[in-house]
Amino acid sequence: MPEVHLSIPYPYNGGEWRISQQVIGPRGGKKWERIIKQPATGGTYITDLEPGLYKETYWTNGWPSSSTFEVTEEGVQREDEDDFLGGRE
C-alpha cells in the first residue's frame, strides 16, 4: 500500500476530520465507509491507504466540506472539491 501524506490545512475549533473510502457492494451499489476520524487539529496525517477512491471531509461548526481523491500505486491524485456536502457519511 502506498504511504499517503494528507494535509489538514488549519485547526477547526470543535471540528473533526474524516477519511472515507468508496466501497462497491455485491450488486454494484456504492457507498462511503468511514476509515479515519479524528479531531481536526491541523498539520499532516500520514497513513497507508490501498488504491481506491476516497473522500476527505471537514466538519466545523456543524457544516461539512469535502473533496475526493484517488490513491494509485503512483501516489495521490485530487479529483474534485465541493464547497458543501449535504447528508451524512
PDB file of N, CA and C in Angstrom:
ATOM      1  N   MET A   1       0.839  -1.188   0.000  1.00  0.00           N
ATOM      2  CA  MET A   1       0.000   0.000   0.000  1.00  0.00           C
ATOM      3  C   MET A   1       0.880   1.246   0.000  1.00  0.00           C
ATOM      4  N   PRO A   2       0.503   2.246  -0.781  1.00  0.00           N
ATOM      5  CA  PRO A   2       1.278   3.486  -0.802  1.00  0.00           C
ATOM      6  C   PRO A   2       1.122   4.275   0.495  1.00  0.00           C
ATOM      7  N   GLU A   3       2.215   4.897   0.921  1.00  0.00           N
ATOM      8  CA  GLU A   3       2.150   5.812   2.061  1.00  0.00           C
ATOM      9  C   GLU A   3       1.587   7.131   1.552  1.00  0.00           C
ATOM     10  N   VAL A   4       0.589   7.656   2.239  1.00  0.00           N
ATOM     11  CA  VAL A   4      -0.106   8.862   1.805  1.00  0.00           C
ATOM     12  C   VAL A   4       0.044   9.940   2.871  1.00  0.00           C
ATOM     13  N   HIS A   5       0.404  11.145   2.448  1.00  0.00           N
ATOM     14  CA  HIS A   5       0.508  12.298   3.342  1.00  0.00           C
ATOM     15  C   HIS A   5      -0.679  13.204   3.054  1.00  0.00           C
ATOM     16  N   LEU A   6      -1.575  13.362   4.026  1.00  0.00           N
ATOM     17  CA  LEU A   6      -2.764  14.190   3.854  1.00  0.00           C
ATOM     18  C   LEU A   6      -2.632  15.429   4.721  1.00  0.00           C
ATOM     19  N   SER A   7      -2.866  16.573   4.125  1.00  0.00           N
ATOM     20  CA  SER A   7      -2.721  17.840   4.832  1.00  0.00           C
ATOM     21  C   SER A   7      -4.054  18.270   5.429  1.00  0.00           C
ATOM     22  N   ILE A   8      -4.038  18.615   6.716  1.00  0.00           N
ATOM     23  CA  ILE A   8      -5.179  19.267   7.356  1.00  0.00           C
ATOM     24  C   ILE A   8      -4.767  20.727   7.436  1.00  0.00           C
ATOM     25  N   PRO A   9      -5.324  21.603   6.570  1.00  0.00           N
ATOM     26  CA  PRO A   9      -4.774  22.939   6.378  1.00  0.00           C
ATOM     27  C   PRO A   9      -4.698  23.812   7.625  1.00  0.00           C
ATOM     28  N   TYR A  10      -5.664  23.739   8.500  1.00  0.00           N
ATOM     29  CA  TYR A  10      -5.620  24.561   9.706  1.00  0.00           C
ATOM     30  C   TYR A  10      -6.577  23.971  10.725  1.00  0.00           C
ATOM     31  N   PRO A  11      -6.416  24.339  11.999  1.00  0.00           N
ATOM     32  CA  PRO A  11      -7.295  23.787  13.027  1.00  0.00           C
ATOM     33  C   PRO A  11      -8.735  24.276  12.860  1.00  0.00           C
ATOM     34  N   TYR A  12      -9.659  23.400  13.104  1.00  0.00           N
ATOM     35  CA  TYR A  12     -11.081  23.744  13.110  1.00  0.00           C
ATOM     36  C   TYR A  12     -11.553  23.649  14.556  1.00  0.00           C
ATOM     37  N   ASN A  13     -11.966  24.746  15.128  1.00  0.00           N
ATOM     38  CA  ASN A  13     -12.426  24.737  16.513  1.00  0.00           C
ATOM     39  C   ASN A  13     -13.649  23.840  16.643  1.00  0.00           C
ATOM     40  N   GLY A  14     -13.530  22.853  17.490  1.00  0.00           N
ATOM     41  CA  GLY A  14     -14.653  21.955  17.742  1.00  0.00           C
ATOM     42  C   GLY A  14     -15.040  21.103  16.545  1.00  0.00           C
ATOM     43  N   GLY A  15     -14.159  20.965  15.568  1.00  0.00           N
ATOM     44  CA  GLY A  15     -14.496  20.211  14.363  1.00  0.00           C
ATOM     45  C   GLY A  15     -13.829  18.856  14.329  1.00  0.00           C
ATOM     46  N   GLU A  16     -14.093  18.127  13.266  1.00  0.00           N
ATOM     47  CA  GLU A  16     -13.425  16.851  13.073  1.00  0.00           C
ATOM     48  C   GLU A  16     -13.112  16.653  11.600  1.00  0.00           C
ATOM     49  N   TRP A  17     -12.196  15.748  11.358  1.00  0.00           N
ATOM     50  CA  TRP A  17     -11.676  15.463  10.030  1.00  0.00           C
ATOM     51  C   TRP A  17     -11.874  13.981   9.785  1.00  0.00           C
ATOM     52  N   ARG A  18     -12.410  13.625   8.619  1.00  0.00           N
ATOM     53  CA  ARG A  18     -12.704  12.223   8.317  1.00  0.00           C
ATOM     54  C   ARG A  18     -12.168  11.850   6.938  1.00  0.00           C
ATOM     55  N   ILE A  19     -11.791  10.592   6.826  1.00  0.00           N
ATOM     56  CA  ILE A  19     -11.472   9.999   5.532  1.00  0.00           C
ATOM     57  C   ILE A  19     -12.402   8.804   5.359  1.00  0.00           C
ATOM     58  N   SER A  20     -13.090   8.769   4.226  1.00  0.00           N
ATOM     59  CA  SER A  20     -13.978   7.657   3.893  1.00  0.00           C
ATOM     60  C   SER A  20     -13.513   7.050   2.580  1.00  0.00           C
ATOM     61  N   GLN A  21     -13.700   5.741   2.460  1.00  0.00           N
ATOM     62  CA  GLN A  21     -13.328   5.035   1.237  1.00  0.00           C
ATOM     63  C   GLN A  21     -14.597   4.600   0.518  1.00  0.00           C
ATOM     64  N   GLN A  22     -14.614   4.754  -0.807  1.00  0.00           N
ATOM     65  CA  GLN A  22     -15.765   4.295  -1.573  1.00  0.00           C
ATOM     66  C   GLN A  22     -15.683   2.780  -1.716  1.00  0.00           C
ATOM     67  N   VAL A  23     -16.753   2.108  -1.316  1.00  0.00           N
ATOM     68  CA  VAL A  23     -16.827   0.655  -1.459  1.00  0.00           C
ATOM     69  C   VAL A  23     -17.998   0.324  -2.379  1.00  0.00           C
ATOM     70  N   ILE A  24     -17.856  -0.751  -3.116  1.00  0.00           N
ATOM     71  CA  ILE A  24     -18.890  -1.189  -4.048  1.00  0.00           C
ATOM     72  C   ILE A  24     -19.407  -2.534  -3.570  1.00  0.00           C
ATOM     73  N   GLY A  25     -20.731  -2.609  -3.364  1.00  0.00           N
ATOM     74  CA  GLY A  25     -21.363  -3.823  -2.873  1.00  0.00           C
ATOM     75  C   GLY A  25     -21.464  -4.896  -3.942  1.00  0.00           C
ATOM     76  N   PRO A  26     -21.942  -6.077  -3.559  1.00  0.00           N
ATOM     77  CA  PRO A  26     -22.016  -7.204  -4.485  1.00  0.00           C
ATOM     78  C   PRO A  26     -22.946  -6.963  -5.676  1.00  0.00           C
ATOM     79  N   ARG A  27     -23.917  -6.046  -5.521  1.00  0.00           N
ATOM     80  CA  ARG A  27     -24.831  -5.746  -6.634  1.00  0.00           C
ATOM     81  C   ARG A  27     -24.486  -4.431  -7.319  1.00  0.00           C
ATOM     82  N   GLY A  28     -23.293  -3.898  -7.052  1.00  0.00           N
ATOM     83  CA  GLY A  28     -22.829  -2.701  -7.737  1.00  0.00           C
ATOM     84  C   GLY A  28     -23.150  -1.391  -7.051  1.00  0.00           C
ATOM     85  N   GLY A  29     -23.852  -1.431  -5.919  1.00  0.00           N
ATOM     86  CA  GLY A  29     -24.160  -0.200  -5.189  1.00  0.00           C
ATOM     87  C   GLY A  29     -22.904   0.392  -4.554  1.00  0.00           C
ATOM     88  N   LYS A  30     -22.820   1.724  -4.545  1.00  0.00           N
ATOM     89  CA  LYS A  30     -21.648   2.405  -3.988  1.00  0.00           C
ATOM     90  C   LYS A  30     -22.024   3.110  -2.691  1.00  0.00           C
ATOM     91  N   LYS A  31     -21.087   3.112  -1.741  1.00  0.00           N
ATOM     92  CA  LYS A  31     -21.286   3.862  -0.505  1.00  0.00           C
ATOM     93  C   LYS A  31     -19.923   4.291   0.022  1.00  0.00           C
ATOM     94  N   TRP A  32     -19.939   5.253   0.947  1.00  0.00           N
ATOM     95  CA  TRP A  32     -18.714   5.724   1.592  1.00  0.00           C
ATOM     96  C   TRP A  32     -18.617   5.067   2.960  1.00  0.00           C
ATOM     97  N   GLU A  33     -17.493   4.426   3.225  1.00  0.00           N
ATOM     98  CA  GLU A  33     -17.243   3.778   4.512  1.00  0.00           C
ATOM     99  C   GLU A  33     -16.147   4.555   5.235  1.00  0.00           C
ATOM    100  N   ARG A  34     -16.484   5.092   6.411  1.00  0.00           N
ATOM    101  CA  ARG A  34     -15.506   5.889   7.160  1.00  0.00           C
ATOM    102  C   ARG A  34     -14.383   4.989   7.666  1.00  0.00           C
ATOM    103  N   ILE A  35     -13.137   5.415   7.416  1.00  0.00           N
ATOM    104  CA  ILE A  35     -11.995   4.621   7.864  1.00  0.00           C
ATOM    105  C   ILE A  35     -11.108   5.384   8.848  1.00  0.00           C
ATOM    106  N   ILE A  36     -11.168   6.724   8.840  1.00  0.00           N
ATOM    107  CA  ILE A  36     -10.379   7.538   9.765  1.00  0.00           C
ATOM    108  C   ILE A  36     -11.266   8.661  10.280  1.00  0.00           C
ATOM    109  N   LYS A  37     -11.231   8.899  11.588  1.00  0.00           N
ATOM    110  CA  LYS A  37     -11.977  10.003  12.185  1.00  0.00           C
ATOM    111  C   LYS A  37     -11.139  10.533  13.335  1.00  0.00           C
ATOM    112  N   GLN A  38     -10.888  11.847  13.330  1.00  0.00           N
ATOM    113  CA  GLN A  38     -10.116  12.438  14.418  1.00  0.00           C
ATOM    114  C   GLN A  38     -10.430  13.924  14.510  1.00  0.00           C
ATOM    115  N   PRO A  39     -10.101  14.546  15.650  1.00  0.00           N
ATOM    116  CA  PRO A  39     -10.285  15.999  15.741  1.00  0.00           C
ATOM    117  C   PRO A  39      -9.443  16.691  14.674  1.00  0.00           C
ATOM    118  N   ALA A  40      -9.979  17.737  14.089  1.00  0.00           N
ATOM    119  CA  ALA A  40      -9.267  18.476  13.037  1.00  0.00           C
ATOM    120  C   ALA A  40      -8.318  19.459  13.693  1.00  0.00           C
ATOM    121  N   THR A  41      -7.079  19.030  13.867  1.00  0.00           N
ATOM    122  CA  THR A  41      -6.114  19.831  14.620  1.00  0.00           C
ATOM    123  C   THR A  41      -5.114  20.570  13.753  1.00  0.00           C
ATOM    124  N   GLY A  42      -5.107  20.333  12.476  1.00  0.00           N
ATOM    125  CA  GLY A  42      -4.129  20.967  11.588  1.00  0.00           C
ATOM    126  C   GLY A  42      -2.854  20.146  11.521  1.00  0.00           C
ATOM    127  N   GLY A  43      -2.127  20.265  10.423  1.00  0.00           N
ATOM    128  CA  GLY A  43      -0.876  19.532  10.258  1.00  0.00           C
ATOM    129  C   GLY A  43      -0.968  18.506   9.150  1.00  0.00           C
ATOM    130  N   THR A  44      -0.143  17.469   9.237  1.00  0.00           N
ATOM    131  CA  THR A  44      -0.100  16.419   8.220  1.00  0.00           C
ATOM    132  C   THR A  44      -0.423  15.081   8.860  1.00  0.00           C
ATOM    133  N   TYR A  45      -1.308  14.331   8.238  1.00  0.00           N
ATOM    134  CA  TYR A  45      -1.677  13.000   8.691  1.00  0.00           C
ATOM    135  C   TYR A  45      -1.056  12.013   7.714  1.00  0.00           C
ATOM    136  N   ILE A  46      -0.258  11.086   8.223  1.00  0.00           N
ATOM    137  CA  ILE A  46       0.433  10.108   7.380  1.00  0.00           C
ATOM    138  C   ILE A  46      -0.178   8.737   7.633  1.00  0.00           C
ATOM    139  N   THR A  47      -0.566   8.064   6.564  1.00  0.00           N
ATOM    140  CA  THR A  47      -1.180   6.751   6.694  1.00  0.00           C
ATOM    141  C   THR A  47      -0.903   5.926   5.439  1.00  0.00           C
ATOM    142  N   ASP A  48      -1.144   4.642   5.517  1.00  0.00           N
ATOM    143  CA  ASP A  48      -1.067   3.755   4.356  1.00  0.00           C
ATOM    144  C   ASP A  48      -2.492   3.491   3.885  1.00  0.00           C
ATOM    145  N   LEU A  49      -2.774   3.790   2.626  1.00  0.00           N
ATOM    146  CA  LEU A  49      -4.098   3.549   2.057  1.00  0.00           C
ATOM    147  C   LEU A  49      -3.958   2.673   0.825  1.00  0.00           C
ATOM    148  N   GLU A  50      -4.864   1.720   0.689  1.00  0.00           N
ATOM    149  CA  GLU A  50      -4.857   0.894  -0.513  1.00  0.00           C
ATOM    150  C   GLU A  50      -5.394   1.713  -1.680  1.00  0.00           C
ATOM    151  N   PRO A  51      -5.030   1.366  -2.903  1.00  0.00           N
ATOM    152  CA  PRO A  51      -5.544   2.104  -4.055  1.00  0.00           C
ATOM    153  C   PRO A  51      -7.073   2.119  -4.065  1.00  0.00           C
ATOM    154  N   GLY A  52      -7.633   3.266  -4.423  1.00  0.00           N
ATOM    155  CA  GLY A  52      -9.084   3.410  -4.470  1.00  0.00           C
ATOM    156  C   GLY A  52      -9.493   4.867  -4.412  1.00  0.00           C
ATOM    157  N   LEU A  53     -10.810   5.104  -4.354  1.00  0.00           N
ATOM    158  CA  LEU A  53     -11.376   6.446  -4.293  1.00  0.00           C
ATOM    159  C   LEU A  53     -11.722   6.775  -2.847  1.00  0.00           C
ATOM    160  N   TYR A  54     -11.331   7.962  -2.404  1.00  0.00           N
ATOM    161  CA  TYR A  54     -11.523   8.391  -1.024  1.00  0.00           C
ATOM    162  C   TYR A  54     -12.170   9.766  -0.972  1.00  0.00           C
ATOM    163  N   LYS A  55     -12.812  10.051   0.159  1.00  0.00           N
ATOM    164  CA  LYS A  55     -13.407  11.364   0.397  1.00  0.00           C
ATOM    165  C   LYS A  55     -12.856  11.901   1.710  1.00  0.00           C
ATOM    166  N   GLU A  56     -12.372  13.133   1.662  1.00  0.00           N
ATOM    167  CA  GLU A  56     -11.857  13.825   2.843  1.00  0.00           C
ATOM    168  C   GLU A  56     -12.927  14.835   3.259  1.00  0.00           C
ATOM    169  N   THR A  57     -13.387  14.770   4.515  1.00  0.00           N
ATOM    170  CA  THR A  57     -14.457  15.648   4.985  1.00  0.00           C
ATOM    171  C   THR A  57     -14.018  16.377   6.241  1.00  0.00           C
ATOM    172  N   TYR A  58     -14.246  17.686   6.261  1.00  0.00           N
ATOM    173  CA  TYR A  58     -14.021  18.507   7.449  1.00  0.00           C
ATOM    174  C   TYR A  58     -15.383  18.878   8.007  1.00  0.00           C
ATOM    175  N   TRP A  59     -15.558  18.708   9.295  1.00  0.00           N
ATOM    176  CA  TRP A  59     -16.781  19.166   9.960  1.00  0.00           C
ATOM    177  C   TRP A  59     -16.379  20.251  10.941  1.00  0.00           C
ATOM    178  N   THR A  60     -16.962  21.426  10.797  1.00  0.00           N
ATOM    179  CA  THR A  60     -16.700  22.504  11.738  1.00  0.00           C
ATOM    180  C   THR A  60     -17.963  23.321  11.924  1.00  0.00           C
ATOM    181  N   ASN A  61     -18.286  23.617  13.149  1.00  0.00           N
ATOM    182  CA  ASN A  61     -19.495  24.373  13.487  1.00  0.00           C
ATOM    183  C   ASN A  61     -20.741  23.768  12.843  1.00  0.00           C
ATOM    184  N   GLY A  62     -20.774  22.453  12.725  1.00  0.00           N
ATOM    185  CA  GLY A  62     -21.933  21.758  12.187  1.00  0.00           C
ATOM    186  C   GLY A  62     -22.039  21.712  10.676  1.00  0.00           C
ATOM    187  N   TRP A  63     -21.070  22.280   9.953  1.00  0.00           N
ATOM    188  CA  TRP A  63     -21.125  22.323   8.493  1.00  0.00           C
ATOM    189  C   TRP A  63     -20.002  21.491   7.876  1.00  0.00           C
ATOM    190  N   PRO A  64     -20.343  20.587   6.955  1.00  0.00           N
ATOM    191  CA  PRO A  64     -19.311  19.778   6.301  1.00  0.00           C
ATOM    192  C   PRO A  64     -18.795  20.410   5.013  1.00  0.00           C
ATOM    193  N   SER A  65     -17.562  20.119   4.712  1.00  0.00           N
ATOM    194  CA  SER A  65     -16.953  20.478   3.437  1.00  0.00           C
ATOM    195  C   SER A  65     -16.123  19.272   3.017  1.00  0.00           C
ATOM    196  N   SER A  66     -16.123  18.937   1.737  1.00  0.00           N
ATOM    197  CA  SER A  66     -15.405  17.722   1.351  1.00  0.00           C
ATOM    198  C   SER A  66     -14.751  17.842  -0.013  1.00  0.00           C
ATOM    199  N   SER A  67     -13.827  16.932  -0.252  1.00  0.00           N
ATOM    200  CA  SER A  67     -13.209  16.762  -1.562  1.00  0.00           C
ATOM    201  C   SER A  67     -12.875  15.285  -1.717  1.00  0.00           C
ATOM    202  N   THR A  68     -12.766  14.837  -2.948  1.00  0.00           N
ATOM    203  CA  THR A  68     -12.424  13.443  -3.186  1.00  0.00           C
ATOM    204  C   THR A  68     -11.027  13.358  -3.783  1.00  0.00           C
ATOM    205  N   PHE A  69     -10.409  12.218  -3.594  1.00  0.00           N
ATOM    206  CA  PHE A  69      -9.095  11.973  -4.172  1.00  0.00           C
ATOM    207  C   PHE A  69      -8.948  10.487  -4.441  1.00  0.00           C
ATOM    208  N   GLU A  70      -8.056  10.170  -5.348  1.00  0.00           N
ATOM    209  CA  GLU A  70      -7.799   8.782  -5.702  1.00  0.00           C
ATOM    210  C   GLU A  70      -6.378   8.414  -5.317  1.00  0.00           C
ATOM    211  N   VAL A  71      -6.237   7.266  -4.692  1.00  0.00           N
ATOM    212  CA  VAL A  71      -4.916   6.734  -4.373  1.00  0.00           C
ATOM    213  C   VAL A  71      -4.597   5.671  -5.421  1.00  0.00           C
ATOM    214  N   THR A  72      -3.454   5.838  -6.080  1.00  0.00           N
ATOM    215  CA  THR A  72      -2.968   4.851  -7.044  1.00  0.00           C
ATOM    216  C   THR A  72      -1.608   4.362  -6.553  1.00  0.00           C
ATOM    217  N   GLU A  73      -1.042   3.420  -7.235  1.00  0.00           N
ATOM    218  CA  GLU A  73       0.295   2.940  -6.870  1.00  0.00           C
ATOM    219  C   GLU A  73       1.329   4.053  -6.998  1.00  0.00           C
ATOM    220  N   GLU A  74       1.048   5.053  -7.836  1.00  0.00           N
ATOM    221  CA  GLU A  74       1.973   6.167  -8.046  1.00  0.00           C
ATOM    222  C   GLU A  74       1.800   7.284  -7.021  1.00  0.00           C
ATOM    223  N   GLY A  75       0.721   7.289  -6.272  1.00  0.00           N
ATOM    224  CA  GLY A  75       0.501   8.348  -5.284  1.00  0.00           C
ATOM    225  C   GLY A  75      -0.946   8.789  -5.242  1.00  0.00           C
ATOM    226  N   VAL A  76      -1.159  10.071  -4.885  1.00  0.00           N
ATOM    227  CA  VAL A  76      -2.497  10.622  -4.684  1.00  0.00           C
ATOM    228  C   VAL A  76      -2.818  11.614  -5.794  1.00  0.00           C
ATOM    229  N   GLN A  77      -4.024  11.511  -6.323  1.00  0.00           N
ATOM    230  CA  GLN A  77      -4.496  12.452  -7.335  1.00  0.00           C
ATOM    231  C   GLN A  77      -5.808  13.053  -6.848  1.00  0.00           C
ATOM    232  N   ARG A  78      -5.858  14.396  -6.750  1.00  0.00           N
ATOM    233  CA  ARG A  78      -7.084  15.080  -6.342  1.00  0.00           C
ATOM    234  C   ARG A  78      -8.094  15.012  -7.468  1.00  0.00           C
ATOM    235  N   GLU A  79      -9.334  14.684  -7.122  1.00  0.00           N
ATOM    236  CA  GLU A  79     -10.380  14.545  -8.129  1.00  0.00           C
ATOM    237  C   GLU A  79     -11.218  15.810  -8.252  1.00  0.00           C
ATOM    238  N   ASP A  80     -11.863  16.213  -7.183  1.00  0.00           N
ATOM    239  CA  ASP A  80     -12.705  17.402  -7.222  1.00  0.00           C
ATOM    240  C   ASP A  80     -12.809  17.979  -5.826  1.00  0.00           C
ATOM    241  N   GLU A  81     -13.360  19.167  -5.745  1.00  0.00           N
ATOM    242  CA  GLU A  81     -13.565  19.795  -4.450  1.00  0.00           C
ATOM    243  C   GLU A  81     -14.962  20.373  -4.412  1.00  0.00           C
ATOM    244  N   ASP A  82     -15.676  20.092  -3.328  1.00  0.00           N
ATOM    245  CA  ASP A  82     -17.012  20.632  -3.113  1.00  0.00           C
ATOM    246  C   ASP A  82     -16.940  21.622  -1.969  1.00  0.00           C
ATOM    247  N   ASP A  83     -17.626  22.741  -2.105  1.00  0.00           N
ATOM    248  CA  ASP A  83     -17.679  23.697  -1.008  1.00  0.00           C
ATOM    249  C   ASP A  83     -18.586  23.193   0.102  1.00  0.00           C
ATOM    250  N   PHE A  84     -19.601  22.441  -0.259  1.00  0.00           N
ATOM    251  CA  PHE A  84     -20.550  21.953   0.738  1.00  0.00           C
ATOM    252  C   PHE A  84     -21.028  20.579   0.335  1.00  0.00           C
ATOM    253  N   LEU A  85     -21.126  19.700   1.298  1.00  0.00           N
ATOM    254  CA  LEU A  85     -21.620  18.356   1.055  1.00  0.00           C
ATOM    255  C   LEU A  85     -22.781  18.113   1.997  1.00  0.00           C
ATOM    256  N   GLY A  86     -23.972  17.967   1.487  1.00  0.00           N
ATOM    257  CA  GLY A  86     -25.130  17.694   2.332  1.00  0.00           C
ATOM    258  C   GLY A  86     -25.219  16.222   2.662  1.00  0.00           C
ATOM    259  N   GLY A  87     -26.019  15.892   3.642  1.00  0.00           N
ATOM    260  CA  GLY A  87     -26.225  14.500   4.011  1.00  0.00           C
ATOM    261  C   GLY A  87     -25.167  13.988   4.961  1.00  0.00           C
ATOM    262  N   ARG A  88     -25.263  12.705   5.239  1.00  0.00           N
ATOM    263  CA  ARG A  88     -24.357  12.077   6.191  1.00  0.00           C
ATOM    264  C   ARG A  88     -23.471  11.082   5.478  1.00  0.00           C
ATOM    265  N   GLU A  89     -22.348  10.786   6.104  1.00  0.00           N
ATOM    266  CA  GLU A  89     -21.442   9.768   5.561  1.00  0.00           C
ATOM    267  C   GLU A  89     -21.942   8.402   5.943  1.00  0.00           C
TER     268      GLU A  89
END
